PDB file of all heavy atoms in Angstrom:
ATOM      1  N   PRO A   1       5.642 -13.324 -17.922  1.00  0.00           N
ATOM      2  CA  PRO A   1       5.075 -14.246 -18.927  1.00  0.00           C
ATOM      3  C   PRO A   1       4.998 -13.639 -20.327  1.00  0.00           C
ATOM      4  O   PRO A   1       5.038 -14.356 -21.321  1.00  0.00           O
ATOM      5  CB  PRO A   1       3.665 -14.541 -18.374  1.00  0.00           C
ATOM      6  CG  PRO A   1       3.758 -14.246 -16.911  1.00  0.00           C
ATOM      7  CD  PRO A   1       4.734 -13.118 -16.783  1.00  0.00           C
ATOM      8  N   ALA A   2       4.912 -12.296 -20.408  1.00  0.00           N
ATOM      9  CA  ALA A   2       4.795 -11.640 -21.715  1.00  0.00           C
ATOM     10  C   ALA A   2       6.062 -11.771 -22.546  1.00  0.00           C
ATOM     11  O   ALA A   2       6.039 -11.557 -23.758  1.00  0.00           O
ATOM     12  CB  ALA A   2       4.456 -10.163 -21.526  1.00  0.00           C
ATOM     13  N   LYS A   3       7.179 -12.152 -21.895  1.00  0.00           N
ATOM     14  CA  LYS A   3       8.439 -12.246 -22.641  1.00  0.00           C
ATOM     15  C   LYS A   3       8.385 -13.331 -23.706  1.00  0.00           C
ATOM     16  O   LYS A   3       9.053 -13.227 -24.745  1.00  0.00           O
ATOM     17  CB  LYS A   3       9.601 -12.505 -21.687  1.00  0.00           C
ATOM     18  CG  LYS A   3       9.587 -13.883 -21.034  1.00  0.00           C
ATOM     19  CD  LYS A   3      10.722 -14.052 -20.057  1.00  0.00           C
ATOM     20  CE  LYS A   3      10.663 -15.438 -19.380  1.00  0.00           C
ATOM     21  NZ  LYS A   3      11.713 -15.604 -18.368  1.00  0.00           N
ATOM     22  N   GLU A   4       7.581 -14.382 -23.456  1.00  0.00           N
ATOM     23  CA  GLU A   4       7.504 -15.476 -24.426  1.00  0.00           C
ATOM     24  C   GLU A   4       6.965 -14.987 -25.759  1.00  0.00           C
ATOM     25  O   GLU A   4       7.419 -15.427 -26.824  1.00  0.00           O
ATOM     26  CB  GLU A   4       6.624 -16.600 -23.877  1.00  0.00           C
ATOM     27  CG  GLU A   4       7.106 -17.197 -22.557  1.00  0.00           C
ATOM     28  CD  GLU A   4       8.508 -17.781 -22.676  1.00  0.00           C
ATOM     29  OE1 GLU A   4       8.884 -18.235 -23.778  1.00  0.00           O
ATOM     30  OE2 GLU A   4       9.245 -17.771 -21.670  1.00  0.00           O
ATOM     31  N   GLU A   5       5.997 -14.060 -25.716  1.00  0.00           N
ATOM     32  CA  GLU A   5       5.445 -13.517 -26.956  1.00  0.00           C
ATOM     33  C   GLU A   5       6.493 -12.709 -27.712  1.00  0.00           C
ATOM     34  O   GLU A   5       6.606 -12.815 -28.943  1.00  0.00           O
ATOM     35  CB  GLU A   5       4.236 -12.641 -26.632  1.00  0.00           C
ATOM     36  CG  GLU A   5       3.554 -12.064 -27.865  1.00  0.00           C
ATOM     37  CD  GLU A   5       2.385 -11.157 -27.507  1.00  0.00           C
ATOM     38  OE1 GLU A   5       1.959 -11.172 -26.332  1.00  0.00           O
ATOM     39  OE2 GLU A   5       1.907 -10.435 -28.414  1.00  0.00           O
ATOM     40  N   ILE A   6       7.284 -11.902 -26.982  1.00  0.00           N
ATOM     41  CA  ILE A   6       8.331 -11.099 -27.631  1.00  0.00           C
ATOM     42  C   ILE A   6       9.398 -12.002 -28.232  1.00  0.00           C
ATOM     43  O   ILE A   6       9.835 -11.807 -29.372  1.00  0.00           O
ATOM     44  CB  ILE A   6       8.960 -10.123 -26.619  1.00  0.00           C
ATOM     45  CG1 ILE A   6       7.907  -9.193 -26.032  1.00  0.00           C
ATOM     46  CG2 ILE A   6      10.069  -9.304 -27.272  1.00  0.00           C
ATOM     47  CD1 ILE A   6       8.429  -8.263 -24.958  1.00  0.00           C
ATOM     48  N   ILE A   7       9.830 -13.019 -27.461  1.00  0.00           N
ATOM     49  CA  ILE A   7      10.866 -13.935 -27.950  1.00  0.00           C
ATOM     50  C   ILE A   7      10.392 -14.667 -29.194  1.00  0.00           C
ATOM     51  O   ILE A   7      11.141 -14.832 -30.166  1.00  0.00           O
ATOM     52  CB  ILE A   7      11.257 -14.940 -26.840  1.00  0.00           C
ATOM     53  CG1 ILE A   7      11.951 -14.207 -25.691  1.00  0.00           C
ATOM     54  CG2 ILE A   7      12.169 -16.033 -27.384  1.00  0.00           C
ATOM     55  CD1 ILE A   7      12.192 -15.067 -24.465  1.00  0.00           C
ATOM     56  N   GLU A   8       9.124 -15.077 -29.183  1.00  0.00           N
ATOM     57  CA  GLU A   8       8.577 -15.794 -30.342  1.00  0.00           C
ATOM     58  C   GLU A   8       8.605 -14.929 -31.591  1.00  0.00           C
ATOM     59  O   GLU A   8       8.981 -15.394 -32.679  1.00  0.00           O
ATOM     60  CB  GLU A   8       7.135 -16.222 -30.023  1.00  0.00           C
ATOM     61  CG  GLU A   8       6.490 -17.026 -31.147  1.00  0.00           C
ATOM     62  CD  GLU A   8       5.044 -17.401 -30.827  1.00  0.00           C
ATOM     63  OE1 GLU A   8       4.635 -17.242 -29.652  1.00  0.00           O
ATOM     64  OE2 GLU A   8       4.347 -17.830 -31.758  1.00  0.00           O
ATOM     65  N   LYS A   9       8.249 -13.648 -31.424  1.00  0.00           N
ATOM     66  CA  LYS A   9       8.248 -12.747 -32.586  1.00  0.00           C
ATOM     67  C   LYS A   9       9.673 -12.506 -33.085  1.00  0.00           C
ATOM     68  O   LYS A   9       9.929 -12.501 -34.296  1.00  0.00           O
ATOM     69  CB  LYS A   9       7.586 -11.413 -32.217  1.00  0.00           C
ATOM     70  CG  LYS A   9       6.085 -11.505 -31.973  1.00  0.00           C
ATOM     71  CD  LYS A   9       5.507 -10.140 -31.661  1.00  0.00           C
ATOM     72  CE  LYS A   9       4.001 -10.228 -31.364  1.00  0.00           C
ATOM     73  NZ  LYS A   9       3.220 -10.705 -32.522  1.00  0.00           N
ATOM     74  N   ILE A  10      10.615 -12.310 -32.155  1.00  0.00           N
ATOM     75  CA  ILE A  10      12.002 -12.044 -32.546  1.00  0.00           C
ATOM     76  C   ILE A  10      12.595 -13.257 -33.252  1.00  0.00           C
ATOM     77  O   ILE A  10      13.223 -13.135 -34.315  1.00  0.00           O
ATOM     78  CB  ILE A  10      12.843 -11.666 -31.313  1.00  0.00           C
ATOM     79  CG1 ILE A  10      12.427 -10.291 -30.780  1.00  0.00           C
ATOM     80  CG2 ILE A  10      14.333 -11.645 -31.664  1.00  0.00           C
ATOM     81  CD1 ILE A  10      13.122  -9.883 -29.502  1.00  0.00           C
ATOM     82  N   ILE A  11      12.409 -14.442 -32.674  1.00  0.00           N
ATOM     83  CA  ILE A  11      12.934 -15.676 -33.286  1.00  0.00           C
ATOM     84  C   ILE A  11      12.321 -15.889 -34.660  1.00  0.00           C
ATOM     85  O   ILE A  11      12.997 -16.317 -35.610  1.00  0.00           O
ATOM     86  CB  ILE A  11      12.661 -16.897 -32.381  1.00  0.00           C
ATOM     87  CG1 ILE A  11      13.426 -16.765 -31.061  1.00  0.00           C
ATOM     88  CG2 ILE A  11      13.060 -18.188 -33.090  1.00  0.00           C
ATOM     89  CD1 ILE A  11      14.920 -16.794 -31.200  1.00  0.00           C
ATOM     90  N   HIS A  12      11.027 -15.546 -34.793  1.00  0.00           N
ATOM     91  CA  HIS A  12      10.354 -15.693 -36.093  1.00  0.00           C
ATOM     92  C   HIS A  12      11.008 -14.810 -37.147  1.00  0.00           C
ATOM     93  O   HIS A  12      11.287 -15.243 -38.263  1.00  0.00           O
ATOM     94  CB  HIS A  12       8.868 -15.345 -35.936  1.00  0.00           C
ATOM     95  CG  HIS A  12       8.114 -15.347 -37.235  1.00  0.00           C
ATOM     96  ND1 HIS A  12       7.790 -16.516 -37.911  1.00  0.00           N
ATOM     97  CD2 HIS A  12       7.634 -14.314 -37.993  1.00  0.00           C
ATOM     98  CE1 HIS A  12       7.136 -16.204 -39.026  1.00  0.00           C
ATOM     99  NE2 HIS A  12       7.030 -14.875 -39.098  1.00  0.00           N
ATOM    100  N   PHE A  13      11.288 -13.553 -36.766  1.00  0.00           N
ATOM    101  CA  PHE A  13      11.940 -12.635 -37.703  1.00  0.00           C
ATOM    102  C   PHE A  13      13.343 -13.121 -38.050  1.00  0.00           C
ATOM    103  O   PHE A  13      13.770 -13.064 -39.207  1.00  0.00           O
ATOM    104  CB  PHE A  13      11.998 -11.229 -37.110  1.00  0.00           C
ATOM    105  CG  PHE A  13      10.732 -10.453 -37.259  1.00  0.00           C
ATOM    106  CD1 PHE A  13      10.035 -10.005 -36.144  1.00  0.00           C
ATOM    107  CD2 PHE A  13      10.233 -10.153 -38.516  1.00  0.00           C
ATOM    108  CE1 PHE A  13       8.865  -9.287 -36.273  1.00  0.00           C
ATOM    109  CE2 PHE A  13       9.059  -9.425 -38.662  1.00  0.00           C
ATOM    110  CZ  PHE A  13       8.369  -8.995 -37.530  1.00  0.00           C
ATOM    111  N   VAL A  14      14.087 -13.570 -37.031  1.00  0.00           N
ATOM    112  CA  VAL A  14      15.459 -14.034 -37.259  1.00  0.00           C
ATOM    113  C   VAL A  14      15.470 -15.255 -38.163  1.00  0.00           C
ATOM    114  O   VAL A  14      16.286 -15.358 -39.088  1.00  0.00           O
ATOM    115  CB  VAL A  14      16.156 -14.342 -35.912  1.00  0.00           C
ATOM    116  CG1 VAL A  14      17.516 -15.000 -36.152  1.00  0.00           C
ATOM    117  CG2 VAL A  14      16.333 -13.069 -35.103  1.00  0.00           C
ATOM    118  N   ASP A  15      14.561 -16.193 -37.931  1.00  0.00           N
ATOM    119  CA  ASP A  15      14.492 -17.404 -38.759  1.00  0.00           C
ATOM    120  C   ASP A  15      14.167 -17.077 -40.208  1.00  0.00           C
ATOM    121  O   ASP A  15      14.629 -17.746 -41.135  1.00  0.00           O
ATOM    122  CB  ASP A  15      13.439 -18.365 -38.205  1.00  0.00           C
ATOM    123  CG  ASP A  15      13.943 -19.119 -36.983  1.00  0.00           C
ATOM    124  OD1 ASP A  15      15.179 -19.222 -36.821  1.00  0.00           O
ATOM    125  OD2 ASP A  15      13.121 -19.589 -36.181  1.00  0.00           O
ATOM    126  N   ASN A  16      13.370 -16.030 -40.404  1.00  0.00           N
ATOM    127  CA  ASN A  16      12.990 -15.646 -41.764  1.00  0.00           C
ATOM    128  C   ASN A  16      14.066 -14.828 -42.476  1.00  0.00           C
ATOM    129  O   ASN A  16      13.945 -14.554 -43.667  1.00  0.00           O
ATOM    130  CB  ASN A  16      11.684 -14.841 -41.745  1.00  0.00           C
ATOM    131  CG  ASN A  16      10.488 -15.719 -41.447  1.00  0.00           C
ATOM    132  OD1 ASN A  16      10.544 -16.936 -41.617  1.00  0.00           O
ATOM    133  ND2 ASN A  16       9.397 -15.115 -40.983  1.00  0.00           N
ATOM    134  N   THR A  17      15.088 -14.414 -41.728  1.00  0.00           N
ATOM    135  CA  THR A  17      16.205 -13.680 -42.336  1.00  0.00           C
ATOM    136  C   THR A  17      17.274 -14.682 -42.745  1.00  0.00           C
ATOM    137  O   THR A  17      18.020 -15.189 -41.920  1.00  0.00           O
ATOM    138  CB  THR A  17      16.805 -12.666 -41.349  1.00  0.00           C
ATOM    139  OG1 THR A  17      15.762 -11.805 -40.875  1.00  0.00           O
ATOM    140  CG2 THR A  17      17.872 -11.817 -42.017  1.00  0.00           C
ATOM    141  N   LYS A  18      17.346 -14.985 -44.003  1.00  0.00           N
ATOM    142  CA  LYS A  18      18.309 -15.959 -44.529  1.00  0.00           C
ATOM    143  C   LYS A  18      19.569 -15.227 -44.981  1.00  0.00           C
ATOM    144  O   LYS A  18      19.623 -14.694 -46.091  1.00  0.00           O
ATOM    145  CB  LYS A  18      17.706 -16.746 -45.704  1.00  0.00           C
ATOM    146  CG  LYS A  18      16.346 -17.376 -45.396  1.00  0.00           C
ATOM    147  CD  LYS A  18      16.437 -18.430 -44.308  1.00  0.00           C
ATOM    148  CE  LYS A  18      15.081 -19.086 -44.056  1.00  0.00           C
ATOM    149  NZ  LYS A  18      15.115 -20.051 -42.944  1.00  0.00           N
ATOM    150  N   VAL A  19      20.539 -15.170 -44.091  1.00  0.00           N
ATOM    151  CA  VAL A  19      21.758 -14.422 -44.388  1.00  0.00           C
ATOM    152  C   VAL A  19      22.464 -14.964 -45.620  1.00  0.00           C
ATOM    153  O   VAL A  19      23.018 -14.226 -46.423  1.00  0.00           O
ATOM    154  CB  VAL A  19      22.712 -14.455 -43.166  1.00  0.00           C
ATOM    155  CG1 VAL A  19      24.012 -13.725 -43.474  1.00  0.00           C
ATOM    156  CG2 VAL A  19      22.038 -13.820 -41.951  1.00  0.00           C
ATOM    157  N   GLY A  20      22.419 -16.270 -45.781  1.00  0.00           N
ATOM    158  CA  GLY A  20      23.150 -16.900 -46.887  1.00  0.00           C
ATOM    159  C   GLY A  20      22.616 -16.580 -48.260  1.00  0.00           C
ATOM    160  O   GLY A  20      23.325 -16.726 -49.256  1.00  0.00           O
ATOM    161  N   VAL A  21      21.345 -16.144 -48.350  1.00  0.00           N
ATOM    162  CA  VAL A  21      20.768 -15.889 -49.674  1.00  0.00           C
ATOM    163  C   VAL A  21      20.554 -14.392 -49.930  1.00  0.00           C
ATOM    164  O   VAL A  21      19.879 -14.021 -50.876  1.00  0.00           O
ATOM    165  CB  VAL A  21      19.418 -16.646 -49.828  1.00  0.00           C
ATOM    166  CG1 VAL A  21      19.629 -18.138 -49.736  1.00  0.00           C
ATOM    167  CG2 VAL A  21      18.407 -16.176 -48.786  1.00  0.00           C
ATOM    168  N   LEU A  22      21.119 -13.559 -49.082  1.00  0.00           N
ATOM    169  CA  LEU A  22      20.919 -12.122 -49.241  1.00  0.00           C
ATOM    170  C   LEU A  22      21.719 -11.549 -50.403  1.00  0.00           C
ATOM    171  O   LEU A  22      21.358 -10.523 -50.965  1.00  0.00           O
ATOM    172  CB  LEU A  22      21.313 -11.392 -47.945  1.00  0.00           C
ATOM    173  CG  LEU A  22      20.347 -11.507 -46.772  1.00  0.00           C
ATOM    174  CD1 LEU A  22      20.924 -10.809 -45.552  1.00  0.00           C
ATOM    175  CD2 LEU A  22      18.984 -10.919 -47.107  1.00  0.00           C
ATOM    176  N   GLY A  23      22.829 -12.182 -50.749  1.00  0.00           N
ATOM    177  CA  GLY A  23      23.700 -11.623 -51.755  1.00  0.00           C
ATOM    178  C   GLY A  23      24.639 -10.593 -51.155  1.00  0.00           C
ATOM    179  O   GLY A  23      24.523 -10.230 -49.983  1.00  0.00           O
ATOM    180  N   THR A  24      25.540 -10.106 -51.967  1.00  0.00           N
ATOM    181  CA  THR A  24      26.561  -9.176 -51.468  1.00  0.00           C
ATOM    182  C   THR A  24      25.952  -7.876 -50.962  1.00  0.00           C
ATOM    183  O   THR A  24      26.274  -7.400 -49.869  1.00  0.00           O
ATOM    184  CB  THR A  24      27.570  -8.863 -52.589  1.00  0.00           C
ATOM    185  OG1 THR A  24      28.124 -10.080 -53.077  1.00  0.00           O
ATOM    186  CG2 THR A  24      28.694  -7.986 -52.057  1.00  0.00           C
ATOM    187  N   VAL A  25      25.040  -7.296 -51.754  1.00  0.00           N
ATOM    188  CA  VAL A  25      24.433  -6.020 -51.381  1.00  0.00           C
ATOM    189  C   VAL A  25      23.573  -6.179 -50.135  1.00  0.00           C
ATOM    190  O   VAL A  25      23.638  -5.365 -49.203  1.00  0.00           O
ATOM    191  CB  VAL A  25      23.591  -5.459 -52.546  1.00  0.00           C
ATOM    192  CG1 VAL A  25      22.890  -4.166 -52.119  1.00  0.00           C
ATOM    193  CG2 VAL A  25      24.460  -5.202 -53.766  1.00  0.00           C
ATOM    194  N   GLY A  26      22.783  -7.234 -50.084  1.00  0.00           N
ATOM    195  CA  GLY A  26      21.917  -7.468 -48.926  1.00  0.00           C
ATOM    196  C   GLY A  26      22.713  -7.689 -47.658  1.00  0.00           C
ATOM    197  O   GLY A  26      22.372  -7.168 -46.596  1.00  0.00           O
ATOM    198  N   LEU A  27      23.803  -8.474 -47.764  1.00  0.00           N
ATOM    199  CA  LEU A  27      24.646  -8.726 -46.596  1.00  0.00           C
ATOM    200  C   LEU A  27      25.329  -7.444 -46.134  1.00  0.00           C
ATOM    201  O   LEU A  27      25.442  -7.181 -44.929  1.00  0.00           O
ATOM    202  CB  LEU A  27      25.694  -9.794 -46.931  1.00  0.00           C
ATOM    203  CG  LEU A  27      26.636 -10.205 -45.792  1.00  0.00           C
ATOM    204  CD1 LEU A  27      25.836 -10.770 -44.619  1.00  0.00           C
ATOM    205  CD2 LEU A  27      27.666 -11.210 -46.275  1.00  0.00           C
ATOM    206  N   ALA A  28      25.762  -6.627 -47.112  1.00  0.00           N
ATOM    207  CA  ALA A  28      26.402  -5.356 -46.769  1.00  0.00           C
ATOM    208  C   ALA A  28      25.425  -4.440 -46.033  1.00  0.00           C
ATOM    209  O   ALA A  28      25.792  -3.781 -45.053  1.00  0.00           O
ATOM    210  CB  ALA A  28      26.924  -4.665 -48.028  1.00  0.00           C
ATOM    211  N   MET A  29      24.172  -4.402 -46.468  1.00  0.00           N
ATOM    212  CA  MET A  29      23.161  -3.580 -45.798  1.00  0.00           C
ATOM    213  C   MET A  29      22.886  -4.090 -44.390  1.00  0.00           C
ATOM    214  O   MET A  29      22.691  -3.305 -43.453  1.00  0.00           O
ATOM    215  CB  MET A  29      21.868  -3.578 -46.612  1.00  0.00           C
ATOM    216  CG  MET A  29      21.928  -2.752 -47.884  1.00  0.00           C
ATOM    217  SD  MET A  29      22.302  -1.003 -47.559  1.00  0.00           S
ATOM    218  CE  MET A  29      20.853  -0.528 -46.619  1.00  0.00           C
ATOM    219  N   LEU A  30      22.894  -5.428 -44.228  1.00  0.00           N
ATOM    220  CA  LEU A  30      22.665  -6.028 -42.913  1.00  0.00           C
ATOM    221  C   LEU A  30      23.775  -5.622 -41.951  1.00  0.00           C
ATOM    222  O   LEU A  30      23.517  -5.206 -40.816  1.00  0.00           O
ATOM    223  CB  LEU A  30      22.617  -7.553 -43.061  1.00  0.00           C
ATOM    224  CG  LEU A  30      21.905  -8.336 -41.950  1.00  0.00           C
ATOM    225  CD1 LEU A  30      20.409  -8.037 -41.961  1.00  0.00           C
ATOM    226  CD2 LEU A  30      22.116  -9.831 -42.140  1.00  0.00           C
ATOM    227  N   ILE A  31      25.019  -5.732 -42.426  1.00  0.00           N
ATOM    228  CA  ILE A  31      26.161  -5.361 -41.591  1.00  0.00           C
ATOM    229  C   ILE A  31      26.151  -3.863 -41.302  1.00  0.00           C
ATOM    230  O   ILE A  31      26.458  -3.427 -40.182  1.00  0.00           O
ATOM    231  CB  ILE A  31      27.486  -5.771 -42.282  1.00  0.00           C
ATOM    232  CG1 ILE A  31      27.572  -7.303 -42.361  1.00  0.00           C
ATOM    233  CG2 ILE A  31      28.690  -5.216 -41.528  1.00  0.00           C
ATOM    234  CD1 ILE A  31      28.758  -7.809 -43.153  1.00  0.00           C
ATOM    235  N   TYR A  32      25.754  -3.070 -42.302  1.00  0.00           N
ATOM    236  CA  TYR A  32      25.695  -1.621 -42.107  1.00  0.00           C
ATOM    237  C   TYR A  32      24.706  -1.249 -41.005  1.00  0.00           C
ATOM    238  O   TYR A  32      24.988  -0.378 -40.169  1.00  0.00           O
ATOM    239  CB  TYR A  32      25.289  -0.921 -43.411  1.00  0.00           C
ATOM    240  CG  TYR A  32      24.984   0.549 -43.231  1.00  0.00           C
ATOM    241  CD1 TYR A  32      26.008   1.482 -43.092  1.00  0.00           C
ATOM    242  CD2 TYR A  32      23.656   0.989 -43.169  1.00  0.00           C
ATOM    243  CE1 TYR A  32      25.724   2.825 -42.905  1.00  0.00           C
ATOM    244  CE2 TYR A  32      23.374   2.331 -42.973  1.00  0.00           C
ATOM    245  CZ  TYR A  32      24.409   3.240 -42.847  1.00  0.00           C
ATOM    246  OH  TYR A  32      24.127   4.570 -42.653  1.00  0.00           O
ATOM    247  N   MET A  33      23.549  -1.904 -40.966  1.00  0.00           N
ATOM    248  CA  MET A  33      22.551  -1.613 -39.935  1.00  0.00           C
ATOM    249  C   MET A  33      23.100  -1.919 -38.543  1.00  0.00           C
ATOM    250  O   MET A  33      22.867  -1.167 -37.587  1.00  0.00           O
ATOM    251  CB  MET A  33      21.281  -2.439 -40.188  1.00  0.00           C
ATOM    252  CG  MET A  33      20.499  -2.033 -41.426  1.00  0.00           C
ATOM    253  SD  MET A  33      19.887  -0.336 -41.329  1.00  0.00           S
ATOM    254  CE  MET A  33      18.761  -0.463 -39.954  1.00  0.00           C
ATOM    255  N   VAL A  34      23.833  -3.024 -38.443  1.00  0.00           N
ATOM    256  CA  VAL A  34      24.400  -3.409 -37.150  1.00  0.00           C
ATOM    257  C   VAL A  34      25.491  -2.418 -36.728  1.00  0.00           C
ATOM    258  O   VAL A  34      25.535  -1.964 -35.576  1.00  0.00           O
ATOM    259  CB  VAL A  34      24.964  -4.844 -37.217  1.00  0.00           C
ATOM    260  CG1 VAL A  34      25.649  -5.202 -35.908  1.00  0.00           C
ATOM    261  CG2 VAL A  34      23.852  -5.836 -37.515  1.00  0.00           C
ATOM    262  N   ILE A  35      26.374  -2.072 -37.669  1.00  0.00           N
ATOM    263  CA  ILE A  35      27.463  -1.143 -37.356  1.00  0.00           C
ATOM    264  C   ILE A  35      26.914   0.237 -37.003  1.00  0.00           C
ATOM    265  O   ILE A  35      27.453   0.929 -36.127  1.00  0.00           O
ATOM    266  CB  ILE A  35      28.447  -1.056 -38.538  1.00  0.00           C
ATOM    267  CG1 ILE A  35      29.241  -2.371 -38.657  1.00  0.00           C
ATOM    268  CG2 ILE A  35      29.405   0.115 -38.388  1.00  0.00           C
ATOM    269  CD1 ILE A  35      30.225  -2.408 -39.791  1.00  0.00           C
ATOM    270  N   SER A  36      25.827   0.641 -37.655  1.00  0.00           N
ATOM    271  CA  SER A  36      25.240   1.951 -37.356  1.00  0.00           C
ATOM    272  C   SER A  36      24.735   2.012 -35.923  1.00  0.00           C
ATOM    273  O   SER A  36      24.793   3.069 -35.285  1.00  0.00           O
ATOM    274  CB  SER A  36      24.095   2.250 -38.328  1.00  0.00           C
ATOM    275  OG  SER A  36      23.004   1.366 -38.129  1.00  0.00           O
ATOM    276  N   LEU A  37      24.244   0.872 -35.406  1.00  0.00           N
ATOM    277  CA  LEU A  37      23.808   0.845 -34.012  1.00  0.00           C
ATOM    278  C   LEU A  37      24.986   1.071 -33.068  1.00  0.00           C
ATOM    279  O   LEU A  37      24.926   1.918 -32.163  1.00  0.00           O
ATOM    280  CB  LEU A  37      23.137  -0.505 -33.696  1.00  0.00           C
ATOM    281  CG  LEU A  37      22.815  -0.766 -32.218  1.00  0.00           C
ATOM    282  CD1 LEU A  37      21.839   0.279 -31.693  1.00  0.00           C
ATOM    283  CD2 LEU A  37      22.269  -2.174 -32.023  1.00  0.00           C
ATOM    284  N   ILE A  38      26.082   0.341 -33.296  1.00  0.00           N
ATOM    285  CA  ILE A  38      27.249   0.492 -32.418  1.00  0.00           C
ATOM    286  C   ILE A  38      27.860   1.879 -32.579  1.00  0.00           C
ATOM    287  O   ILE A  38      28.356   2.468 -31.612  1.00  0.00           O
ATOM    288  CB  ILE A  38      28.285  -0.612 -32.715  1.00  0.00           C
ATOM    289  CG1 ILE A  38      27.637  -1.994 -32.657  1.00  0.00           C
ATOM    290  CG2 ILE A  38      29.441  -0.547 -31.714  1.00  0.00           C
ATOM    291  CD1 ILE A  38      28.574  -3.139 -32.941  1.00  0.00           C
ATOM    292  N   GLN A  39      27.808   2.419 -33.797  1.00  0.00           N
ATOM    293  CA  GLN A  39      28.325   3.771 -34.017  1.00  0.00           C
ATOM    294  C   GLN A  39      27.514   4.797 -33.230  1.00  0.00           C
ATOM    295  O   GLN A  39      28.073   5.726 -32.633  1.00  0.00           O
ATOM    296  CB  GLN A  39      28.278   4.109 -35.507  1.00  0.00           C
ATOM    297  CG  GLN A  39      28.799   5.503 -35.831  1.00  0.00           C
ATOM    298  CD  GLN A  39      28.723   5.813 -37.312  1.00  0.00           C
ATOM    299  OE1 GLN A  39      28.688   4.911 -38.142  1.00  0.00           O
ATOM    300  NE2 GLN A  39      28.682   7.085 -37.648  1.00  0.00           N
TER     301      GLN A  39
END
C-alpha cells in the first residue's frame, strides 16, 4: 500500500517538470543527468 505514496510524489515531481519551457540549457542539463545515470 505504501507504493501509492511514492507514485504520487514521483508523478507530482514529473508533472512539475515542464520540459518544453526549460530552454536549451535546461534541456541539455536534463539529458545530461539521464545520460550520466546510464554511463
